[in-house]
Amino acid sequence: PGWETALEAALREKLNALEVGRIDTVRAFASDAPPARLAFYTPAATPPAATAAKLPRLSDLLRLGGHMGDAGLKALLVDWLEGVYTAVSLDEALAQRAQIGHGEVLMTREGHAVSAHAVAFYAPDSEQAGLLARAQEIENLDRQQRAQVLIADEARNALIRIEAACTEANLRLVAARREAAEAQTRAHQLQVELMRLAQQAEATLARSGQLDEELAEVDGQMEGLDERRALGEARFEELDLQLADTQQRHADLEEAVIAAERKLSDAREQGRALERQAQESQFQARALAARRGELQRAIETA
């Protein structure tokens, strides 16, 4: 890019050259020349032989695509541009003109031609001028158009994504509003609950004061109970001693009772023995009385 004018100035009418199968067929134009400059070409079958490069060649700047036939076209352009070299500026071309040979020329970006003994300045001379630049511009515009199409497609896709995001955002907004309403209702309920808890807290504080007073009273009662407990413990120790004495006396009495019961048992045994003896005596007395009666009756009978 940037060397289109130089290439156009070097090729001139060859830019609009027409391709023919055999170059010999153009002999007919020798007797009937066309009304305007016209050139014909036949693509080269083989690339040209490489030459020793002493200066940058204009043909080296050609950038052809990878289409079929581009190799032959490049070979043709290399042939047409044989002996055409490049210089960045006119001053550089003038400084390097001693390095070029007969029939060779140095071309600047602006299309000016410098040979070993002459300088030709380029100027558009027909409606064909600037053809390569316009072609380059058209190609750039095509690229820009494709880029704009891609940008437009991306913008449409972005718009679709934005619309989807907007729809989703609206749904989230509706959900957020619903949640906000629920949160407001919940906040009102919590406020009512807070007031109720505050009232309970006040009642609890009042009850706490009352309980403190009751606790102080209970503490006083506990002190009295402690004194009574101390007295009770002293009385308990005294009663415990008395109980020990009583238990000792009870034990002694139990031993005495046991001894008395033993004596009573012996006395009862003696009483039963005496009772048996008395019964036996009574039986013997009755027997003796009966015998005495029998004897008296016997005496009386005798």
C-alpha atoms as a PDB file:
ATOM      1  CA  PRO A   1       0.000   0.000   0.000  1.00  0.00           C
ATOM      2  CA  GLY A   2       1.141   3.518  -0.821  1.00  0.00           C
ATOM      3  CA  TRP A   3       2.888   2.619  -4.092  1.00  0.00           C
ATOM      4  CA  GLU A   4      -0.254   2.495  -6.261  1.00  0.00           C
ATOM      5  CA  THR A   5       0.551   5.793  -8.004  1.00  0.00           C
ATOM      6  CA  ALA A   6       4.102   4.667  -8.776  1.00  0.00           C
ATOM      7  CA  LEU A   7       2.833   1.371 -10.182  1.00  0.00           C
ATOM      8  CA  GLU A   8       0.205   3.179 -12.251  1.00  0.00           C
ATOM      9  CA  ALA A   9       2.791   5.635 -13.603  1.00  0.00           C
ATOM     10  CA  ALA A  10       5.106   2.789 -14.567  1.00  0.00           C
ATOM     11  CA  LEU A  11       2.466   0.649 -16.268  1.00  0.00           C
ATOM     12  CA  ARG A  12       0.410   3.428 -17.915  1.00  0.00           C
ATOM     13  CA  GLU A  13      -1.881   1.938 -20.566  1.00  0.00           C
ATOM     14  CA  LYS A  14      -0.785  -1.557 -19.566  1.00  0.00           C
ATOM     15  CA  LEU A  15      -3.171  -1.306 -16.603  1.00  0.00           C
ATOM     16  CA  ASN A  16      -6.065  -1.878 -19.040  1.00  0.00           C
ATOM     17  CA  ALA A  17      -4.270  -4.501 -21.115  1.00  0.00           C
ATOM     18  CA  LEU A  18      -6.437  -7.275 -22.541  1.00  0.00           C
ATOM     19  CA  GLU A  19      -5.483 -10.925 -22.257  1.00  0.00           C
ATOM     20  CA  VAL A  20      -5.214 -12.957 -25.487  1.00  0.00           C
ATOM     21  CA  GLY A  21      -4.375 -16.585 -26.046  1.00  0.00           C
ATOM     22  CA  ARG A  22      -1.570 -15.889 -28.564  1.00  0.00           C
ATOM     23  CA  ILE A  23       0.142 -12.560 -28.804  1.00  0.00           C
ATOM     24  CA  ASP A  24       0.544 -13.022 -32.600  1.00  0.00           C
ATOM     25  CA  THR A  25      -3.179 -12.432 -33.100  1.00  0.00           C
ATOM     26  CA  VAL A  26      -2.825  -8.684 -32.496  1.00  0.00           C
ATOM     27  CA  ARG A  27      -1.024  -8.159 -35.817  1.00  0.00           C
ATOM     28  CA  ALA A  28      -4.328  -7.142 -37.368  1.00  0.00           C
ATOM     29  CA  PHE A  29      -4.227  -3.885 -35.405  1.00  0.00           C
ATOM     30  CA  ALA A  30      -1.117  -2.845 -37.348  1.00  0.00           C
ATOM     31  CA  SER A  31      -3.251  -1.817 -40.330  1.00  0.00           C
ATOM     32  CA  ASP A  32      -6.260  -0.671 -38.287  1.00  0.00           C
ATOM     33  CA  ALA A  33      -4.982   0.850 -35.038  1.00  0.00           C
ATOM     34  CA  PRO A  34      -7.475   1.347 -32.176  1.00  0.00           C
ATOM     35  CA  PRO A  35      -8.606   4.947 -31.432  1.00  0.00           C
ATOM     36  CA  ALA A  36      -7.019   4.913 -27.958  1.00  0.00           C
ATOM     37  CA  ARG A  37      -3.968   3.460 -26.320  1.00  0.00           C
ATOM     38  CA  LEU A  38      -4.466  -0.269 -25.999  1.00  0.00           C
ATOM     39  CA  ALA A  39      -2.245  -3.116 -24.828  1.00  0.00           C
ATOM     40  CA  PHE A  40      -2.554  -6.872 -25.017  1.00  0.00           C
ATOM     41  CA  TYR A  41      -0.778  -9.587 -23.076  1.00  0.00           C
ATOM     42  CA  THR A  42      -0.360 -13.313 -22.845  1.00  0.00           C
ATOM     43  CA  PRO A  43       0.397 -14.704 -19.330  1.00  0.00           C
ATOM     44  CA  ALA A  44       3.902 -16.105 -19.043  1.00  0.00           C
ATOM     45  CA  ALA A  45       4.112 -19.876 -18.768  1.00  0.00           C
ATOM     46  CA  THR A  46       7.103 -19.784 -16.408  1.00  0.00           C
ATOM     47  CA  PRO A  47       8.282 -17.161 -13.922  1.00  0.00           C
ATOM     48  CA  PRO A  48      11.145 -14.929 -15.080  1.00  0.00           C
ATOM     49  CA  ALA A  49      14.679 -15.708 -14.071  1.00  0.00           C
ATOM     50  CA  ALA A  50      15.848 -13.933 -10.941  1.00  0.00           C
ATOM     51  CA  THR A  51      18.217 -11.018 -11.412  1.00  0.00           C
ATOM     52  CA  ALA A  52      20.677  -9.590  -8.985  1.00  0.00           C
ATOM     53  CA  ALA A  53      18.856  -6.919  -6.975  1.00  0.00           C
ATOM     54  CA  LYS A  54      20.888  -3.788  -6.388  1.00  0.00           C
ATOM     55  CA  LEU A  55      17.909  -1.514  -5.587  1.00  0.00           C
ATOM     56  CA  PRO A  56      14.359  -2.230  -4.323  1.00  0.00           C
ATOM     57  CA  ARG A  57      12.300  -3.348  -7.329  1.00  0.00           C
ATOM     58  CA  LEU A  58       8.752  -2.117  -7.758  1.00  0.00           C
ATOM     59  CA  SER A  59       7.661  -5.626  -8.750  1.00  0.00           C
ATOM     60  CA  ASP A  60       8.709  -6.893  -5.310  1.00  0.00           C
ATOM     61  CA  LEU A  61       5.955  -4.760  -3.779  1.00  0.00           C
ATOM     62  CA  LEU A  62       3.206  -6.593  -5.678  1.00  0.00           C
ATOM     63  CA  ARG A  63       0.790  -8.440  -3.394  1.00  0.00           C
ATOM     64  CA  LEU A  64      -1.416 -10.754  -5.414  1.00  0.00           C
ATOM     65  CA  GLY A  65      -3.944 -13.137  -3.942  1.00  0.00           C
ATOM     66  CA  GLY A  66      -3.807 -16.903  -4.040  1.00  0.00           C
ATOM     67  CA  HIS A  67      -6.190 -17.262  -7.017  1.00  0.00           C
ATOM     68  CA  MET A  68      -5.479 -19.536  -9.943  1.00  0.00           C
ATOM     69  CA  GLY A  69      -3.466 -17.734 -12.629  1.00  0.00           C
ATOM     70  CA  ASP A  70      -1.892 -15.203 -10.243  1.00  0.00           C
ATOM     71  CA  ALA A  71       1.561 -16.729 -10.817  1.00  0.00           C
ATOM     72  CA  GLY A  72       1.361 -16.035 -14.558  1.00  0.00           C
ATOM     73  CA  LEU A  73       0.011 -12.537 -13.971  1.00  0.00           C
ATOM     74  CA  LYS A  74       2.829 -11.795 -11.567  1.00  0.00           C
ATOM     75  CA  ALA A  75       5.354 -13.056 -14.114  1.00  0.00           C
ATOM     76  CA  LEU A  76       3.837 -10.687 -16.693  1.00  0.00           C
ATOM     77  CA  LEU A  77       3.975  -7.723 -14.301  1.00  0.00           C
ATOM     78  CA  VAL A  78       7.561  -8.544 -13.384  1.00  0.00           C
ATOM     79  CA  ASP A  79       8.374  -8.461 -17.108  1.00  0.00           C
ATOM     80  CA  TRP A  80       6.610  -5.131 -17.575  1.00  0.00           C
ATOM     81  CA  LEU A  81       8.271  -3.680 -14.492  1.00  0.00           C
ATOM     82  CA  GLU A  82      11.743  -4.941 -15.376  1.00  0.00           C
ATOM     83  CA  GLY A  83      14.243  -2.198 -14.642  1.00  0.00           C
ATOM     84  CA  VAL A  84      11.796  -0.197 -12.482  1.00  0.00           C
ATOM     85  CA  TYR A  85      13.089   0.443  -8.959  1.00  0.00           C
ATOM     86  CA  THR A  86      11.702   2.388  -6.001  1.00  0.00           C
ATOM     87  CA  ALA A  87      12.849   5.330  -3.949  1.00  0.00           C
ATOM     88  CA  VAL A  88      11.138   6.761  -0.890  1.00  0.00           C
ATOM     89  CA  SER A  89      11.467  10.364  -2.069  1.00  0.00           C
ATOM     90  CA  LEU A  90      12.582  12.370  -5.069  1.00  0.00           C
ATOM     91  CA  ASP A  91      15.773  13.390  -3.265  1.00  0.00           C
ATOM     92  CA  GLU A  92      16.628   9.755  -2.636  1.00  0.00           C
ATOM     93  CA  ALA A  93      15.888   8.894  -6.272  1.00  0.00           C
ATOM     94  CA  LEU A  94      18.164  11.683  -7.498  1.00  0.00           C
ATOM     95  CA  ALA A  95      20.873  10.519  -5.107  1.00  0.00           C
ATOM     96  CA  GLN A  96      20.621   6.906  -6.352  1.00  0.00           C
ATOM     97  CA  ARG A  97      20.325   7.531 -10.113  1.00  0.00           C
ATOM     98  CA  ALA A  98      24.028   6.809 -10.534  1.00  0.00           C
ATOM     99  CA  GLN A  99      23.272   3.189  -9.531  1.00  0.00           C
ATOM    100  CA  ILE A 100      20.810   2.490 -12.351  1.00  0.00           C
ATOM    101  CA  GLY A 101      21.723   1.480 -15.878  1.00  0.00           C
ATOM    102  CA  HIS A 102      20.473   2.247 -19.357  1.00  0.00           C
ATOM    103  CA  GLY A 103      16.689   1.940 -19.667  1.00  0.00           C
ATOM    104  CA  GLU A 104      16.196   1.643 -15.908  1.00  0.00           C
ATOM    105  CA  VAL A 105      14.190   4.094 -13.839  1.00  0.00           C
ATOM    106  CA  LEU A 106      13.559   4.978 -10.175  1.00  0.00           C
ATOM    107  CA  MET A 107       9.897   5.550  -9.204  1.00  0.00           C
ATOM    108  CA  THR A 108       8.766   7.516  -6.129  1.00  0.00           C
ATOM    109  CA  ARG A 109       5.509   7.014  -4.254  1.00  0.00           C
ATOM    110  CA  GLU A 110       4.064  10.029  -6.074  1.00  0.00           C
ATOM    111  CA  GLY A 111       4.742   8.414  -9.486  1.00  0.00           C
ATOM    112  CA  HIS A 112       7.707  10.610 -10.450  1.00  0.00           C
ATOM    113  CA  ALA A 113      10.280   8.815 -12.623  1.00  0.00           C
ATOM    114  CA  VAL A 114      14.028   9.420 -12.367  1.00  0.00           C
ATOM    115  CA  SER A 115      16.358   7.881 -14.955  1.00  0.00           C
ATOM    116  CA  ALA A 116      20.093   8.231 -15.285  1.00  0.00           C
ATOM    117  CA  HIS A 117      19.773  11.452 -17.294  1.00  0.00           C
ATOM    118  CA  ALA A 118      16.146  12.628 -16.893  1.00  0.00           C
ATOM    119  CA  VAL A 119      13.299  13.276 -14.452  1.00  0.00           C
ATOM    120  CA  ALA A 120       9.602  12.877 -15.373  1.00  0.00           C
ATOM    121  CA  PHE A 121       6.925  14.179 -13.003  1.00  0.00           C
ATOM    122  CA  TYR A 122       3.663  12.291 -12.862  1.00  0.00           C
ATOM    123  CA  ALA A 123       0.302  13.985 -13.398  1.00  0.00           C
ATOM    124  CA  PRO A 124      -3.086  12.413 -14.167  1.00  0.00           C
ATOM    125  CA  ASP A 125      -3.664  12.599 -17.917  1.00  0.00           C
ATOM    126  CA  SER A 126      -6.995  10.749 -18.355  1.00  0.00           C
ATOM    127  CA  GLU A 127     -10.007   9.349 -16.567  1.00  0.00           C
ATOM    128  CA  GLN A 128      -7.953   6.195 -16.021  1.00  0.00           C
ATOM    129  CA  ALA A 129      -5.609   8.043 -13.662  1.00  0.00           C
ATOM    130  CA  GLY A 130      -5.726   6.810 -10.094  1.00  0.00           C
ATOM    131  CA  LEU A 131      -7.185   3.462 -11.148  1.00  0.00           C
ATOM    132  CA  LEU A 132      -5.041   1.429  -8.769  1.00  0.00           C
ATOM    133  CA  ALA A 133      -5.639   3.881  -5.940  1.00  0.00           C
ATOM    134  CA  ARG A 134      -9.387   3.678  -6.562  1.00  0.00           C
ATOM    135  CA  ALA A 135      -9.167  -0.110  -6.736  1.00  0.00           C
ATOM    136  CA  GLN A 136      -7.256  -0.082  -3.464  1.00  0.00           C
ATOM    137  CA  GLU A 137      -9.832   2.301  -2.023  1.00  0.00           C
ATOM    138  CA  ILE A 138     -12.650   0.054  -3.267  1.00  0.00           C
ATOM    139  CA  GLU A 139     -10.940  -2.935  -1.675  1.00  0.00           C
ATOM    140  CA  ASN A 140     -10.521  -0.993   1.550  1.00  0.00           C
ATOM    141  CA  LEU A 141     -14.161   0.064   1.356  1.00  0.00           C
ATOM    142  CA  ASP A 142     -15.132  -3.574   0.820  1.00  0.00           C
ATOM    143  CA  ARG A 143     -13.133  -4.515   3.900  1.00  0.00           C
ATOM    144  CA  GLN A 144     -14.736  -1.668   5.821  1.00  0.00           C
ATOM    145  CA  GLN A 145     -18.160  -2.749   4.575  1.00  0.00           C
ATOM    146  CA  ARG A 146     -17.522  -6.330   5.681  1.00  0.00           C
ATOM    147  CA  ALA A 147     -16.227  -4.996   8.976  1.00  0.00           C
ATOM    148  CA  GLN A 148     -19.330  -2.810   9.303  1.00  0.00           C
ATOM    149  CA  VAL A 149     -21.511  -5.835   8.501  1.00  0.00           C
ATOM    150  CA  LEU A 150     -19.700  -7.796  11.197  1.00  0.00           C
ATOM    151  CA  ILE A 151     -20.047  -4.830  13.544  1.00  0.00           C
ATOM    152  CA  ALA A 152     -23.754  -4.541  12.655  1.00  0.00           C
ATOM    153  CA  ASP A 153     -24.231  -8.288  13.233  1.00  0.00           C
ATOM    154  CA  GLU A 154     -22.393  -7.999  16.506  1.00  0.00           C
ATOM    155  CA  ALA A 155     -24.491  -4.939  17.368  1.00  0.00           C
ATOM    156  CA  ARG A 156     -27.681  -6.876  16.557  1.00  0.00           C
ATOM    157  CA  ASN A 157     -26.461  -9.790  18.650  1.00  0.00           C
ATOM    158  CA  ALA A 158     -25.532  -7.345  21.394  1.00  0.00           C
ATOM    159  CA  LEU A 159     -28.992  -5.766  21.058  1.00  0.00           C
ATOM    160  CA  ILE A 160     -30.593  -9.202  21.359  1.00  0.00           C
ATOM    161  CA  ARG A 161     -28.441  -9.916  24.407  1.00  0.00           C
ATOM    162  CA  ILE A 162     -29.279  -6.497  25.846  1.00  0.00           C
ATOM    163  CA  GLU A 163     -33.005  -7.047  25.220  1.00  0.00           C
ATOM    164  CA  ALA A 164     -32.754 -10.469  26.856  1.00  0.00           C
ATOM    165  CA  ALA A 165     -30.827  -8.905  29.732  1.00  0.00           C
ATOM    166  CA  CYS A 166     -33.443  -6.126  29.910  1.00  0.00           C
ATOM    167  CA  THR A 167     -36.239  -8.706  30.031  1.00  0.00           C
ATOM    168  CA  GLU A 168     -34.375 -10.614  32.705  1.00  0.00           C
ATOM    169  CA  ALA A 169     -33.725  -7.352  34.554  1.00  0.00           C
ATOM    170  CA  ASN A 170     -37.452  -6.519  34.370  1.00  0.00           C
ATOM    171  CA  LEU A 171     -38.263  -9.944  35.771  1.00  0.00           C
ATOM    172  CA  ARG A 172     -35.695  -9.409  38.511  1.00  0.00           C
ATOM    173  CA  LEU A 173     -37.169  -5.938  39.115  1.00  0.00           C
ATOM    174  CA  VAL A 174     -40.661  -7.418  39.514  1.00  0.00           C
ATOM    175  CA  ALA A 175     -39.248 -10.056  41.843  1.00  0.00           C
ATOM    176  CA  ALA A 176     -37.287  -7.376  43.716  1.00  0.00           C
ATOM    177  CA  ARG A 177     -40.403  -5.225  44.080  1.00  0.00           C
ATOM    178  CA  ARG A 178     -42.331  -8.218  45.341  1.00  0.00           C
ATOM    179  CA  GLU A 179     -39.536  -9.013  47.762  1.00  0.00           C
ATOM    180  CA  ALA A 180     -39.448  -5.336  48.787  1.00  0.00           C
ATOM    181  CA  ALA A 181     -43.199  -5.398  49.483  1.00  0.00           C
ATOM    182  CA  GLU A 182     -42.798  -8.611  51.450  1.00  0.00           C
ATOM    183  CA  ALA A 183     -39.836  -7.096  53.283  1.00  0.00           C
ATOM    184  CA  GLN A 184     -41.886  -3.970  54.077  1.00  0.00           C
ATOM    185  CA  THR A 185     -44.721  -6.130  55.411  1.00  0.00           C
ATOM    186  CA  ARG A 186     -42.224  -8.138  57.399  1.00  0.00           C
ATOM    187  CA  ALA A 187     -40.637  -4.917  58.680  1.00  0.00           C
ATOM    188  CA  HIS A 188     -44.069  -3.704  59.842  1.00  0.00           C
ATOM    189  CA  GLN A 189     -44.647  -7.021  61.587  1.00  0.00           C
ATOM    190  CA  LEU A 190     -41.215  -6.798  63.170  1.00  0.00           C
ATOM    191  CA  GLN A 191     -41.955  -3.234  64.287  1.00  0.00           C
ATOM    192  CA  VAL A 192     -45.175  -4.401  65.952  1.00  0.00           C
ATOM    193  CA  GLU A 193     -43.270  -7.304  67.483  1.00  0.00           C
ATOM    194  CA  LEU A 194     -40.587  -4.861  68.654  1.00  0.00           C
ATOM    195  CA  MET A 195     -43.199  -2.688  70.372  1.00  0.00           C
ATOM    196  CA  ARG A 196     -44.667  -5.768  72.041  1.00  0.00           C
ATOM    197  CA  LEU A 197     -41.226  -6.895  73.161  1.00  0.00           C
ATOM    198  CA  ALA A 198     -40.484  -3.374  74.437  1.00  0.00           C
ATOM    199  CA  GLN A 199     -43.655  -3.501  76.530  1.00  0.00           C
ATOM    200  CA  GLN A 200     -42.665  -6.936  77.766  1.00  0.00           C
ATOM    201  CA  ALA A 201     -39.211  -5.581  78.576  1.00  0.00           C
ATOM    202  CA  GLU A 202     -40.745  -2.734  80.606  1.00  0.00           C
ATOM    203  CA  ALA A 203     -42.998  -5.197  82.410  1.00  0.00           C
ATOM    204  CA  THR A 204     -39.998  -7.459  82.951  1.00  0.00           C
ATOM    205  CA  LEU A 205     -37.996  -4.566  84.405  1.00  0.00           C
ATOM    206  CA  ALA A 206     -40.866  -3.709  86.737  1.00  0.00           C
ATOM    207  CA  ARG A 207     -41.212  -7.353  87.718  1.00  0.00           C
ATOM    208  CA  SER A 208     -37.435  -7.534  88.157  1.00  0.00           C
ATOM    209  CA  GLY A 209     -37.583  -4.622  90.628  1.00  0.00           C
ATOM    210  CA  GLN A 210     -40.422  -6.317  92.463  1.00  0.00           C
ATOM    211  CA  LEU A 211     -38.493  -9.578  92.508  1.00  0.00           C
ATOM    212  CA  ASP A 212     -35.448  -7.744  93.853  1.00  0.00           C
ATOM    213  CA  GLU A 213     -37.567  -6.437  96.724  1.00  0.00           C
ATOM    214  CA  GLU A 214     -39.014  -9.897  97.328  1.00  0.00           C
ATOM    215  CA  LEU A 215     -35.511 -11.354  97.136  1.00  0.00           C
ATOM    216  CA  ALA A 216     -34.299  -8.868  99.744  1.00  0.00           C
ATOM    217  CA  GLU A 217     -37.239  -9.874 101.942  1.00  0.00           C
ATOM    218  CA  VAL A 218     -36.435 -13.536 101.355  1.00  0.00           C
ATOM    219  CA  ASP A 219     -32.807 -12.835 102.247  1.00  0.00           C
ATOM    220  CA  GLY A 220     -33.990 -11.315 105.525  1.00  0.00           C
ATOM    221  CA  GLN A 221     -36.170 -14.340 106.138  1.00  0.00           C
ATOM    222  CA  MET A 222     -33.232 -16.594 105.281  1.00  0.00           C
ATOM    223  CA  GLU A 223     -31.125 -14.815 107.884  1.00  0.00           C
ATOM    224  CA  GLY A 224     -33.886 -15.433 110.456  1.00  0.00           C
ATOM    225  CA  LEU A 225     -34.091 -19.040 109.333  1.00  0.00           C
ATOM    226  CA  ASP A 226     -30.328 -19.360 109.669  1.00  0.00           C
ATOM    227  CA  GLU A 227     -30.572 -18.134 113.256  1.00  0.00           C
ATOM    228  CA  ARG A 228     -33.450 -20.513 113.929  1.00  0.00           C
ATOM    229  CA  ARG A 229     -31.488 -23.298 112.268  1.00  0.00           C
ATOM    230  CA  ALA A 230     -28.508 -22.568 114.513  1.00  0.00           C
ATOM    231  CA  LEU A 231     -30.808 -22.697 117.540  1.00  0.00           C
ATOM    232  CA  GLY A 232     -32.414 -25.845 116.176  1.00  0.00           C
ATOM    233  CA  GLU A 233     -29.031 -27.458 115.668  1.00  0.00           C
ATOM    234  CA  ALA A 234     -28.066 -26.608 119.269  1.00  0.00           C
ATOM    235  CA  ARG A 235     -31.413 -27.960 120.470  1.00  0.00           C
ATOM    236  CA  PHE A 236     -30.909 -31.009 118.265  1.00  0.00           C
ATOM    237  CA  GLU A 237     -27.542 -31.698 119.841  1.00  0.00           C
ATOM    238  CA  GLU A 238     -29.115 -31.365 123.287  1.00  0.00           C
ATOM    239  CA  LEU A 239     -31.996 -33.645 122.341  1.00  0.00           C
ATOM    240  CA  ASP A 240     -29.520 -36.025 120.746  1.00  0.00           C
ATOM    241  CA  LEU A 241     -27.730 -36.303 124.081  1.00  0.00           C
ATOM    242  CA  GLN A 242     -31.052 -36.807 125.832  1.00  0.00           C
ATOM    243  CA  LEU A 243     -31.990 -39.397 123.246  1.00  0.00           C
ATOM    244  CA  ALA A 244     -28.723 -41.187 123.869  1.00  0.00           C
ATOM    245  CA  ASP A 245     -29.488 -41.231 127.615  1.00  0.00           C
ATOM    246  CA  THR A 246     -33.056 -42.320 126.938  1.00  0.00           C
ATOM    247  CA  GLN A 247     -31.861 -45.046 124.582  1.00  0.00           C
ATOM    248  CA  GLN A 248     -29.408 -46.207 127.226  1.00  0.00           C
ATOM    249  CA  ARG A 249     -32.160 -46.266 129.848  1.00  0.00           C
ATOM    250  CA  HIS A 250     -34.451 -47.974 127.370  1.00  0.00           C
ATOM    251  CA  ALA A 251     -31.778 -50.584 126.808  1.00  0.00           C
ATOM    252  CA  ASP A 252     -31.445 -51.026 130.538  1.00  0.00           C
ATOM    253  CA  LEU A 253     -35.227 -51.256 130.894  1.00  0.00           C
ATOM    254  CA  GLU A 254     -35.353 -53.773 128.070  1.00  0.00           C
ATOM    255  CA  GLU A 255     -32.821 -55.902 129.931  1.00  0.00           C
ATOM    256  CA  ALA A 256     -34.873 -55.515 133.119  1.00  0.00           C
ATOM    257  CA  VAL A 257     -38.051 -56.375 131.207  1.00  0.00           C
ATOM    258  CA  ILE A 258     -36.348 -59.406 129.736  1.00  0.00           C
ATOM    259  CA  ALA A 259     -35.259 -60.493 133.217  1.00  0.00           C
ATOM    260  CA  ALA A 260     -38.767 -59.781 134.587  1.00  0.00           C
ATOM    261  CA  GLU A 261     -40.328 -61.692 131.715  1.00  0.00           C
ATOM    262  CA  ARG A 262     -37.970 -64.548 132.441  1.00  0.00           C
ATOM    263  CA  LYS A 263     -38.985 -64.444 136.127  1.00  0.00           C
ATOM    264  CA  LEU A 264     -42.634 -64.170 135.107  1.00  0.00           C
ATOM    265  CA  SER A 265     -42.226 -67.173 132.875  1.00  0.00           C
ATOM    266  CA  ASP A 266     -40.655 -69.094 135.740  1.00  0.00           C
ATOM    267  CA  ALA A 267     -43.436 -67.962 138.064  1.00  0.00           C
ATOM    268  CA  ARG A 268     -46.055 -68.991 135.538  1.00  0.00           C
ATOM    269  CA  GLU A 269     -44.364 -72.359 135.184  1.00  0.00           C
ATOM    270  CA  GLN A 270     -44.373 -72.733 138.979  1.00  0.00           C
ATOM    271  CA  GLY A 271     -48.015 -71.633 139.066  1.00  0.00           C
ATOM    272  CA  ARG A 272     -48.948 -74.207 136.468  1.00  0.00           C
ATOM    273  CA  ALA A 273     -47.037 -76.858 138.482  1.00  0.00           C
ATOM    274  CA  LEU A 274     -48.827 -75.806 141.664  1.00  0.00           C
ATOM    275  CA  GLU A 275     -52.107 -75.795 139.783  1.00  0.00           C
ATOM    276  CA  ARG A 276     -51.440 -79.340 138.625  1.00  0.00           C
ATOM    277  CA  GLN A 277     -50.547 -80.293 142.154  1.00  0.00           C
ATOM    278  CA  ALA A 278     -53.749 -78.650 143.408  1.00  0.00           C
ATOM    279  CA  GLN A 279     -55.779 -80.492 140.817  1.00  0.00           C
ATOM    280  CA  GLU A 280     -54.122 -83.733 141.810  1.00  0.00           C
ATOM    281  CA  SER A 281     -54.779 -82.920 145.472  1.00  0.00           C
ATOM    282  CA  GLN A 282     -58.422 -82.170 144.705  1.00  0.00           C
ATOM    283  CA  PHE A 283     -58.690 -85.391 142.736  1.00  0.00           C
ATOM    284  CA  GLN A 284     -57.154 -87.323 145.597  1.00  0.00           C
ATOM    285  CA  ALA A 285     -59.426 -85.494 148.061  1.00  0.00           C
ATOM    286  CA  ARG A 286     -62.479 -86.387 146.005  1.00  0.00           C
ATOM    287  CA  ALA A 287     -61.233 -89.946 145.746  1.00  0.00           C
ATOM    288  CA  LEU A 288     -60.686 -90.068 149.498  1.00  0.00           C
ATOM    289  CA  ALA A 289     -64.108 -88.491 150.094  1.00  0.00           C
ATOM    290  CA  ALA A 290     -65.703 -91.086 147.850  1.00  0.00           C
ATOM    291  CA  ARG A 291     -63.859 -93.828 149.643  1.00  0.00           C
ATOM    292  CA  ARG A 292     -64.912 -92.389 152.953  1.00  0.00           C
ATOM    293  CA  GLY A 293     -68.515 -92.304 151.836  1.00  0.00           C
ATOM    294  CA  GLU A 294     -68.317 -95.905 150.728  1.00  0.00           C
ATOM    295  CA  LEU A 295     -66.802 -96.870 154.051  1.00  0.00           C
ATOM    296  CA  GLN A 296     -69.515 -95.000 155.982  1.00  0.00           C
ATOM    297  CA  ARG A 297     -72.210 -96.655 153.914  1.00  0.00           C
ATOM    298  CA  ALA A 298     -70.547 -99.966 154.521  1.00  0.00           C
ATOM    299  CA  ILE A 299     -70.433 -99.296 158.264  1.00  0.00           C
ATOM    300  CA  GLU A 300     -74.006 -98.227 158.344  1.00  0.00           C
ATOM    301  CA  THR A 301     -75.016-101.260 156.422  1.00  0.00           C
ATOM    302  CA  ALA A 302     -73.132-103.520 158.754  1.00  0.00           C
END
